[in-house]
Protein backbone atom coordinates (compact mmCIF):
# COMPACT_ATOMS: atom_id res chain seq x y z
CA MET A 1 100.85 113.97 94.74
CA ALA A 2 97.76 115.91 95.78
CA LYS A 3 98.99 115.83 99.37
CA MET A 4 102.41 117.12 98.26
CA ILE A 5 100.84 120.02 96.36
CA ALA A 6 98.69 120.93 99.33
CA GLU A 7 101.70 121.06 101.69
CA ASN A 8 104.17 122.86 99.44
CA GLY A 9 101.86 124.89 97.21
CA THR A 10 103.66 123.47 94.17
CA GLY A 11 104.45 120.08 92.82
CA GLY A 12 107.78 118.50 93.65
CA LYS A 13 110.30 119.49 96.31
CA LYS A 14 110.31 122.76 98.25
CA SER A 15 112.15 125.62 96.55
CA LYS A 16 115.32 127.13 98.02
CA ASP A 17 113.39 130.33 98.78
CA ASN A 18 110.82 128.43 100.77
CA GLN A 19 113.58 126.60 102.61
CA SER A 20 115.35 129.83 103.56
CA ASN A 21 112.09 131.45 104.63
CA SER A 22 111.31 128.50 106.87
CA LYS A 23 114.63 129.03 108.66
CA THR A 24 114.06 132.80 109.10
CA LYS A 25 113.11 133.75 112.64
CA ARG A 26 109.73 135.44 112.66
CA TYR A 27 108.33 137.90 115.20
CA THR A 28 104.92 139.03 116.32
CA GLU A 29 103.88 142.66 115.75
CA LYS A 30 104.55 143.40 119.40
CA GLU A 31 108.04 141.91 119.19
CA LEU A 32 108.73 143.85 115.98
CA SER A 33 107.71 147.07 117.71
CA VAL A 34 110.14 146.38 120.58
CA ILE A 35 112.99 145.61 118.17
CA ARG A 36 112.34 148.78 116.15
CA SER A 37 112.64 150.88 119.31
CA LYS A 38 116.15 149.49 119.86
CA LEU A 39 117.49 150.06 116.32
CA GLN A 40 120.50 152.32 115.89
CA PRO A 41 121.44 154.54 112.89
CA GLY A 42 121.77 152.43 109.76
CA GLU A 43 119.76 149.51 111.16
CA THR A 44 116.36 148.47 109.82
CA ILE A 45 114.11 145.42 110.06
CA ARG A 46 112.28 143.95 107.11
CA PRO A 47 108.65 142.77 107.29
CA ASP A 48 109.87 139.17 107.27
CA GLY A 49 111.91 139.79 110.43
CA ILE A 50 115.37 139.97 108.84
CA LEU A 51 117.57 142.69 110.40
CA VAL A 52 119.65 144.80 108.00
CA TRP A 53 122.50 147.28 108.59
CA ARG A 54 123.82 149.74 106.01
CA PRO A 55 126.50 152.16 107.30
CA THR A 56 125.49 155.83 107.38
CA LYS A 57 127.74 158.65 106.16
CA ALA A 58 128.63 159.42 109.77
CA GLN A 59 129.88 155.84 110.23
CA TYR A 60 131.66 155.48 106.90
CA ASN A 61 131.91 157.76 103.88
CA GLY A 62 134.79 156.23 102.01
CA PRO A 63 135.30 155.91 98.27
CA GLU A 64 133.95 152.35 98.19
CA LYS A 65 130.33 151.65 99.04
CA PRO A 66 130.24 148.92 101.73
CA LYS A 67 127.85 146.00 101.43
CA ALA A 68 124.79 145.59 103.63
CA VAL A 69 124.89 143.18 106.59
CA TYR A 70 122.01 140.80 107.43
CA ALA A 71 121.15 138.89 110.64
CA ASN A 72 118.28 137.26 112.50
CA THR A 73 118.93 138.86 115.91
CA LEU A 74 120.22 142.22 117.15
CA PRO A 75 123.28 140.78 118.98
CA GLU A 76 124.25 138.92 115.80
CA LEU A 77 123.75 142.07 113.70
CA ARG A 78 125.83 144.25 116.04
CA GLU A 79 128.65 141.70 115.98
CA LYS A 80 128.64 141.70 112.18
CA GLU A 81 128.52 145.53 112.11
CA GLU A 82 131.62 145.81 114.29
CA LYS A 83 133.47 143.29 112.16
CA ALA A 84 132.49 145.02 108.90
CA LEU A 85 133.57 148.48 110.11
CA LYS A 86 136.86 147.09 111.41
CA GLU A 87 137.58 145.58 108.01
CA LEU A 88 136.72 148.85 106.27
CA HIS A 89 138.94 150.92 108.56
CA THR A 90 141.91 148.57 108.42
CA ALA A 91 141.70 148.75 104.64
CA ILE A 92 142.68 152.42 104.84
CA SER A 93 146.23 152.95 103.61
CA ASN A 94 148.95 153.91 106.09
CA ARG A 95 150.39 156.27 103.45
CA ASP A 96 150.42 159.85 104.81
CA SER A 97 148.87 158.62 108.06
CA ARG A 98 150.66 161.40 109.99
CA ILE A 99 149.84 164.25 107.62
CA THR A 100 148.30 167.32 109.29
CA VAL A 101 145.34 169.36 108.09
CA ASN A 102 147.78 172.05 106.92
CA GLY A 103 149.70 169.45 104.93
CA MET A 104 146.48 168.11 103.44
CA TYR A 105 145.49 171.63 102.40
CA ASN A 106 148.82 172.05 100.57
CA LYS A 107 148.14 168.82 98.66
CA TRP A 108 144.57 169.86 97.89
CA ILE A 109 145.39 173.36 96.62
CA LYS A 110 148.00 171.89 94.22
CA VAL A 111 145.59 169.43 92.63
CA LYS A 112 142.54 171.71 92.72
CA ALA A 113 141.78 172.31 89.05
CA GLY A 114 139.16 174.22 87.12
CA ILE A 115 138.98 177.28 89.38
CA ARG A 116 139.73 180.90 88.56
CA ASP A 117 142.73 182.72 90.02
CA ASN A 118 140.58 185.00 92.17
CA THR A 119 138.66 182.01 93.59
CA LYS A 120 141.94 180.31 94.41
CA SER A 121 143.14 183.51 96.09
CA ASN A 122 139.96 183.60 98.19
CA TYR A 123 140.54 179.99 99.27
CA SER A 124 144.14 180.84 100.22
CA TYR A 125 143.08 183.93 102.13
CA MET A 126 140.42 182.08 104.15
CA TYR A 127 142.68 179.14 104.95
CA GLU A 128 145.85 181.08 105.79
CA HIS A 129 144.01 183.60 107.97
CA PHE A 130 141.74 181.31 109.97
CA ILE A 131 142.65 177.61 109.72
CA GLU A 132 146.44 177.46 109.25
CA PRO A 133 147.38 179.19 112.57
CA SER A 134 144.73 177.30 114.56
CA VAL A 135 145.04 174.07 116.56
CA LEU A 136 142.85 172.40 113.92
CA GLY A 137 145.37 173.20 111.19
CA ARG A 138 148.21 171.57 113.14
CA THR A 139 146.20 168.44 113.98
CA VAL A 140 146.86 165.14 112.22
CA VAL A 141 144.07 164.51 109.71
CA ALA A 142 143.38 161.01 111.05
CA ASN A 143 142.79 162.44 114.54
CA VAL A 144 140.21 165.06 113.51
CA GLY A 145 136.59 164.34 114.40
CA LYS A 146 133.42 166.32 113.87
CA SER A 147 133.65 167.57 117.47
CA ASP A 148 137.00 169.20 116.66
CA ILE A 149 135.47 171.10 113.73
CA LEU A 150 132.47 172.15 115.84
CA GLY A 151 134.85 173.40 118.54
CA PHE A 152 136.76 175.37 115.91
CA TYR A 153 133.55 177.03 114.69
CA ASN A 154 132.49 177.82 118.27
CA LYS A 155 135.81 179.51 118.99
CA LEU A 156 135.62 181.70 115.88
CA VAL A 157 132.07 182.85 116.63
CA ASP A 158 132.53 183.29 120.40
CA GLU A 159 135.62 185.44 119.91
CA GLY A 160 133.86 187.57 117.31
CA VAL A 161 136.36 186.61 114.61
CA MET A 162 133.66 185.47 112.21
CA GLY A 163 129.87 185.46 111.93
CA VAL A 164 127.87 182.29 111.43
CA SER A 165 126.95 183.23 107.85
CA THR A 166 130.66 183.58 106.93
CA LEU A 167 131.39 180.07 108.22
CA ASP A 168 129.87 178.73 104.98
CA ASN A 169 133.15 179.57 103.22
CA LEU A 170 135.23 177.64 105.75
CA GLN A 171 132.79 174.72 105.70
CA ASN A 172 133.11 174.46 101.91
CA LEU A 173 136.89 174.57 102.17
CA LEU A 174 137.20 171.96 104.95
CA THR A 175 134.73 169.60 103.25
CA GLN A 176 136.88 169.57 100.10
CA ILE A 177 140.16 169.13 102.00
CA PHE A 178 138.90 166.18 104.06
CA GLY A 179 137.17 164.83 100.96
CA LEU A 180 140.60 164.50 99.31
CA ALA A 181 141.87 162.69 102.41
CA VAL A 182 139.00 160.21 102.04
CA ASP A 183 139.74 159.73 98.33
CA ASP A 184 143.43 159.10 99.16
CA ARG A 185 142.30 156.49 101.72
CA ILE A 186 143.95 158.36 104.58
CA ILE A 187 140.70 158.48 106.58
CA PRO A 188 137.53 156.40 106.21
CA SER A 189 134.99 159.22 106.36
CA ASN A 190 134.74 163.00 106.05
CA PRO A 191 134.38 164.64 109.52
CA ALA A 192 133.39 167.99 107.98
CA LEU A 193 130.20 166.66 106.37
CA GLY A 194 127.16 168.15 108.11
CA ALA A 195 129.31 169.98 110.71
CA LEU A 196 128.06 173.48 109.92
CA LYS A 197 124.45 172.33 109.69
CA GLN A 198 124.76 170.80 113.15
CA PHE A 199 126.46 173.95 114.47
CA LYS A 200 123.72 176.21 113.11
CA ARG A 201 121.03 174.00 114.60
CA ALA A 202 122.74 174.05 118.00
CA THR A 203 123.18 177.84 117.99
CA ASN A 204 119.85 178.70 116.33
CA ASN A 205 121.69 179.98 113.24
CA GLY A 206 123.97 182.06 115.44
CA ILE A 207 121.13 184.04 117.05
CA ARG A 208 121.87 183.91 120.75
CA LYS A 209 120.21 185.58 123.70
CA GLY A 210 120.76 189.32 123.62
CA LYS A 211 121.65 189.36 119.92
CA THR A 212 119.69 191.54 117.53
CA ARG A 213 117.46 190.13 114.82
CA LYS A 214 118.72 189.78 111.29
CA ALA A 215 115.85 191.83 109.84
CA LEU A 216 114.44 195.19 110.91
CA THR A 217 110.86 195.40 112.10
CA VAL A 218 108.48 197.69 110.21
CA ALA A 219 108.84 200.34 112.94
CA GLU A 220 112.66 200.17 112.87
CA GLN A 221 112.64 200.27 109.10
CA CYS A 222 110.54 203.46 109.13
CA VAL A 223 112.92 205.06 111.66
CA PHE A 224 115.85 204.20 109.39
CA LEU A 225 114.17 205.60 106.26
CA ASP A 226 113.01 208.75 108.07
CA TYR A 227 116.58 209.42 109.09
CA LEU A 228 117.86 208.90 105.53
CA ASP A 229 115.18 211.22 104.10
CA ASN A 230 115.26 214.03 106.62
CA VAL A 231 118.63 214.03 108.40
CA GLU A 232 121.34 212.25 106.42
CA ALA A 233 123.19 215.03 104.62
CA ASN A 234 124.95 212.80 102.11
CA GLU A 235 122.52 212.14 99.25
CA ALA A 236 124.74 209.36 97.88
CA TRP A 237 124.33 207.22 101.00
CA ARG A 238 120.59 207.84 101.10
CA ASN A 239 120.30 206.55 97.53
CA LEU A 240 122.59 203.57 98.10
CA PHE A 241 120.79 202.25 101.20
CA THR A 242 117.37 202.85 99.67
CA VAL A 243 118.30 200.72 96.65
CA LEU A 244 119.85 198.06 98.89
CA LEU A 245 116.73 197.84 101.04
CA GLY A 246 114.34 197.83 98.09
CA THR A 247 116.13 195.21 95.98
CA GLY A 248 117.49 192.81 98.59
CA LEU A 249 120.79 192.69 96.70
CA ARG A 250 123.88 191.22 98.29
CA ILE A 251 126.35 194.00 99.05
CA SER A 252 128.78 192.50 96.48
CA GLU A 253 126.02 192.65 93.86
CA LEU A 254 125.19 196.26 94.74
CA CYS A 255 128.82 197.40 94.57
CA GLY A 256 129.21 195.62 91.22
CA LEU A 257 126.06 197.18 89.73
CA THR A 258 126.77 199.21 86.59
CA TRP A 259 124.54 201.69 84.77
CA ASN A 260 124.45 199.17 81.90
CA ASN A 261 122.55 196.78 84.21
CA ILE A 262 119.71 199.26 84.68
CA ASP A 263 116.88 199.64 82.17
CA PHE A 264 114.93 202.75 83.14
CA ASP A 265 112.55 202.38 80.18
CA GLY A 266 111.61 198.80 81.01
CA ASP A 267 111.93 199.28 84.79
CA MET A 268 114.26 196.30 85.11
CA ILE A 269 117.59 195.61 86.85
CA THR A 270 119.82 192.80 85.54
CA ILE A 271 122.08 190.95 87.99
CA ASP A 272 124.78 188.87 86.28
CA HIS A 273 127.93 189.48 88.36
CA ASP A 274 129.22 190.71 91.70
CA LEU A 275 132.27 192.66 92.84
CA ILE A 276 134.61 191.01 95.36
CA TYR A 277 137.33 192.74 97.38
CA PHE A 278 140.00 190.30 98.58
CA ASP A 279 143.56 189.97 99.77
CA LYS A 280 145.96 188.66 97.08
CA ARG A 281 148.79 188.31 99.64
CA THR A 282 151.55 189.27 97.23
CA GLU A 283 154.45 191.64 97.90
CA THR A 284 153.47 194.09 95.17
CA ASP A 285 149.67 194.01 95.40
CA ARG A 286 148.08 192.91 98.65
CA CYS A 287 144.46 193.84 97.92
CA SER A 288 142.46 193.62 94.74
CA LEU A 289 138.99 193.91 93.24
CA SER A 290 137.58 191.09 91.16
CA VAL A 291 134.36 190.54 89.23
CA ASN A 292 132.77 187.11 89.70
CA GLU A 293 129.83 185.40 88.08
CA PRO A 294 127.10 184.36 90.54
CA LYS A 295 127.99 181.07 92.25
CA THR A 296 124.58 179.58 91.41
CA GLU A 297 122.28 179.92 88.42
CA ALA A 298 119.69 181.49 90.73
CA GLY A 299 122.04 184.47 91.15
CA ASN A 300 121.56 185.38 87.48
CA ARG A 301 118.24 187.18 87.51
CA MET A 302 116.22 190.19 86.41
CA LEU A 303 114.47 192.33 89.03
CA PRO A 304 111.37 194.42 88.44
CA MET A 305 112.32 197.93 89.56
CA LEU A 306 110.05 199.15 92.34
CA PRO A 307 109.04 202.83 92.02
CA PHE A 308 111.01 204.10 95.02
CA VAL A 309 114.10 202.17 93.85
CA LYS A 310 113.84 203.76 90.42
CA GLU A 311 113.43 207.16 92.07
CA ALA A 312 116.61 206.63 94.15
CA LEU A 313 118.62 205.56 91.09
CA LEU A 314 117.44 208.55 89.07
CA ARG A 315 118.39 210.83 91.97
CA GLU A 316 121.85 209.27 92.07
CA LYS A 317 122.31 209.66 88.31
CA GLU A 318 121.27 213.33 88.50
CA ARG A 319 123.57 213.94 91.49
CA GLN A 320 126.60 212.55 89.68
CA THR A 321 125.78 214.54 86.54
CA GLN A 322 125.52 217.80 88.48
CA LEU A 323 128.80 217.18 90.33
CA GLY A 324 130.60 215.95 87.21
CA LEU A 325 131.32 212.55 88.79
CA LYS A 326 132.13 209.52 86.68
CA CYS A 327 133.46 206.22 88.01
CA GLN A 328 137.16 205.83 87.21
CA THR A 329 137.39 202.20 88.35
CA LYS A 330 137.74 199.46 85.75
CA VAL A 331 137.74 195.82 86.82
CA GLU A 332 138.20 192.97 84.34
CA GLY A 333 136.40 194.85 81.56
CA TYR A 334 133.62 196.20 83.81
CA GLU A 335 133.27 199.96 84.27
CA ASN A 336 130.66 202.68 84.78
CA PHE A 337 129.72 201.39 88.26
CA VAL A 338 126.61 203.01 89.78
CA PHE A 339 127.78 203.82 93.30
CA VAL A 340 131.05 205.73 93.64
CA ASN A 341 132.87 207.53 96.45
CA ARG A 342 134.12 211.11 96.45
CA PHE A 343 137.32 210.00 94.72
CA GLN A 344 135.21 208.59 91.86
CA ASP A 345 136.20 205.02 92.75
CA VAL A 346 133.66 202.23 93.12
CA GLN A 347 132.22 201.87 96.63
CA ARG A 348 133.73 199.14 98.82
CA HIS A 349 131.79 196.68 100.95
CA SER A 350 133.55 197.60 104.20
CA THR A 351 132.99 201.33 103.62
CA CYS A 352 129.24 200.77 103.32
CA ASN A 353 129.10 198.85 106.61
CA ARG A 354 131.19 201.47 108.41
CA LYS A 355 128.85 204.21 107.21
CA LEU A 356 125.87 202.19 108.36
CA LYS A 357 127.35 201.99 111.87
CA ARG A 358 127.67 205.78 111.98
CA ILE A 359 124.10 206.22 110.75
CA ILE A 360 122.80 203.92 113.49
CA ARG A 361 124.79 205.79 116.14
CA ASP A 362 123.78 209.27 114.99
CA CYS A 363 120.14 208.31 114.47
CA ASN A 364 119.80 206.84 117.97
CA GLU A 365 121.56 209.82 119.57
CA LYS A 366 119.12 212.18 117.84
CA ILE A 367 116.10 210.14 118.96
CA LEU A 368 117.29 209.96 122.57
CA LEU A 369 117.96 213.70 122.72
CA LYS A 370 114.39 214.46 121.65
CA ALA A 371 112.66 211.70 123.64
CA PRO A 372 110.82 212.68 126.85
CA GLU A 373 112.08 211.26 130.13
CA ASN A 374 110.92 207.75 131.07
CA SER A 375 109.83 207.15 127.49
CA ASN A 376 110.65 204.06 125.47
CA PRO A 377 111.48 205.33 121.97
CA ILE A 378 112.12 203.03 119.01
CA LEU A 379 115.86 202.83 118.39
CA LEU A 380 117.81 201.20 115.60
CA PRO A 381 119.48 197.91 116.56
CA TYR A 382 122.94 197.07 115.30
CA PHE A 383 122.63 195.71 111.76
CA THR A 384 124.72 195.38 108.60
CA CYS A 385 124.16 195.77 104.88
CA HIS A 386 123.28 192.08 104.70
CA SER A 387 120.56 192.69 107.32
CA LEU A 388 118.82 194.94 104.79
CA ARG A 389 118.65 191.95 102.44
CA HIS A 390 116.94 189.96 105.21
CA THR A 391 114.61 192.90 105.83
CA CYS A 392 113.62 192.95 102.16
CA VAL A 393 112.76 189.23 102.26
CA THR A 394 110.81 189.62 105.50
CA ARG A 395 108.71 192.57 104.28
CA LEU A 396 107.83 190.80 101.05
CA ILE A 397 106.59 187.63 102.75
CA GLU A 398 104.85 189.50 105.58
CA ASN A 399 102.77 191.33 103.04
CA GLY A 400 101.58 188.33 101.10
CA VAL A 401 104.02 188.07 98.19
CA ASN A 402 104.37 184.45 97.04
CA VAL A 403 107.48 182.80 98.54
CA VAL A 404 108.66 181.50 95.15
CA ALA A 405 108.47 185.02 93.70
CA VAL A 406 110.54 186.30 96.64
CA GLN A 407 113.01 183.46 96.12
CA HIS A 408 113.66 184.51 92.51
CA TYR A 409 113.68 188.20 93.41
CA VAL A 410 116.58 187.83 95.86
CA GLY A 411 118.33 184.98 94.01
CA HIS A 412 117.97 182.09 96.45
CA VAL A 413 118.51 178.54 95.17
CA ASP A 414 115.43 177.23 96.98
CA ALA A 415 112.44 178.59 98.86
CA ALA A 416 113.57 176.97 102.13
CA THR A 417 116.39 179.52 102.43
CA THR A 418 113.89 182.33 101.89
CA LEU A 419 111.57 181.03 104.59
CA ASN A 420 114.43 180.52 107.06
CA ILE A 421 115.26 184.22 106.83
CA TYR A 422 111.63 185.18 107.32
CA THR A 423 111.40 183.02 110.48
CA ASP A 424 113.75 185.42 112.30
CA CYS A 425 111.05 188.09 112.52
CA GLN A 426 108.00 185.84 112.36
CA LYS A 427 107.23 185.93 116.11
CA GLU A 428 107.29 189.71 116.19
CA PHE A 429 105.11 189.85 113.11
CA MET A 430 102.60 187.39 114.58
CA LYS A 431 102.19 189.56 117.67
CA GLU A 432 101.49 192.61 115.56
CA SER A 433 99.23 190.71 113.14
CA PHE A 434 96.66 189.56 115.70
CA GLY A 435 94.17 192.39 116.01
CA LEU A 436 95.77 194.34 113.17
CA LYS A 437 94.95 193.31 109.61
CA VAL A 438 98.07 193.52 107.50
CA SER A 439 96.95 194.76 104.12
CA LYS A 440 99.84 196.97 103.02
CA LYS A 441 101.97 195.67 100.22
CA TYR A 442 105.76 195.79 100.33
CA HIS A 443 106.28 198.88 98.20
CA ASP A 444 103.34 200.60 99.93
CA ILE A 445 105.12 200.55 103.28
CA PHE A 446 108.03 202.39 101.71
CA ALA A 447 105.68 204.67 99.80
CA GLU A 448 104.01 205.76 103.03
CA ASN A 449 107.34 206.58 104.53
CA LEU A 450 108.88 208.23 101.50
CA HIS A 451 105.94 210.11 100.11
CA GLY A 452 103.62 210.60 103.06
CA LYS A 453 100.64 208.71 101.65
CA SER A 454 97.61 208.14 103.82
CA GLU A 455 96.62 204.63 104.91
CA LYS A 456 93.55 204.77 102.66
CA GLN A 457 95.71 205.54 99.65
CA ILE A 458 98.10 202.75 100.53
CA THR A 459 95.60 199.94 101.11
CA ASN A 460 93.94 200.63 97.73
CA GLN A 461 97.19 200.07 95.81
CA PRO A 462 97.32 197.35 93.11
CA MET A 463 99.03 193.98 93.36
CA ASN A 464 102.67 193.96 94.46
CA ILE A 465 105.05 194.67 91.58
CA VAL A 466 107.36 191.78 92.48
CA GLU A 467 104.60 189.17 92.43
CA ASN A 468 103.00 190.80 89.40
CA TYR A 469 106.25 190.50 87.44
CA TYR A 470 107.14 186.93 88.33
CA PHE A 471 103.62 185.53 87.96
CA GLN A 472 102.06 187.62 85.18
CA GLU A 473 104.63 189.45 83.09
CA SER A 474 107.31 186.73 82.99
CA SER A 475 105.50 183.98 81.09
CA ALA A 476 108.73 182.01 80.67
CA MET A 477 109.01 181.50 84.42
CA ILE A 478 105.40 180.52 85.09
CA PRO A 479 105.78 176.83 84.07
CA ALA A 480 108.71 176.50 86.48
CA PHE A 481 106.63 177.92 89.32
CA GLU A 482 103.73 175.61 88.46
CA ARG A 483 106.05 172.61 88.63
CA ARG A 484 107.04 173.63 92.13
């Protein structure tokens, strides 16, 4: 009995676990290292030498979660993998096996529930304008791979039909359409999953050689503001772009801003909706304005009003009072919009971008006319209203404002998005930072430009208003920041 205990570690016969372990093939550390170097996606090796395969989303993303596969050797594991995937794929129903992407979209839009009419109209507009007439739209769903979606995105961007940032809308749409095909067991996995992320990584977020940066440098920003202050004859545009640059609002949020959202006494701006201009594609009313709630909770926010932003808003209010202007546009119960055109209608997104193009052109022409020969003056690059949002983020982070405070200021869901925007201008900033101590705060840079303050006055300014608000005045938000 003593001998039996010594051999087995317990009295009696060997347990089933011990028997199975004795049959398991074991490897040395060197052999384990070699095997690990040969593992493919989904494959792992346990410390006891057992090889395991669990299919990744790229291999299978169907409605049923497949079981893991175990083996003692790689050839055995690969054979079991192939057999398991074949069984999963043959389990897919032949029903609707020849349905095209366009046909799948028609099924999806009919069963899509819980969305507002304007959101449904936006989906229809995006699909019918860009996907339906394309080769992708006419392709059988079962024949579409991720490479086909990547090729579709490349074509749109290369031909200038759509920017990389706008592809997010198409990605969301395609993911849901192919997701329904997976749920209906027409295809085993969703080819749209991760497609845009891969496309952005391959194209460096759409920034290719010769393209301009998404954010203005400090020098370009000062050129832009100088032009608005001293040359731009239209006071309304000067006020609009100053507010846009100082708040980092999305252009839809700026156009939807009402005077009710602005608290001049408390120096606060409330963002709780945006204004969307879209094509309804009906015979009687092709285009329409719609008010939407922010898509994420982070979009609902309160902004501390920086001094130069408040000054621009007060100028705009005084201008409209003197000219007897009052917004005549009413959209879904919202009225009294801040920025209006000469017809007293709310400003449109496309009008703002067209004006910005003219400002860039006229500003550069003026600079070139005054510049000496063989000089290299600072000119404005091509940029859009959304570029001013990126510029706001970049200036805040460059000048030491906490990233989480910036995240809440501009309404990002997470800080990673905020940092990704800042990366666009980081190299330029690093060059300027070495040998030049950056001590100016965000609103000080504007103050120097707008009010002609000296550098000594600027560097002695108090803590940035944005950071001060989110970390000192807003006690309700502090615990959330501390958790992060």
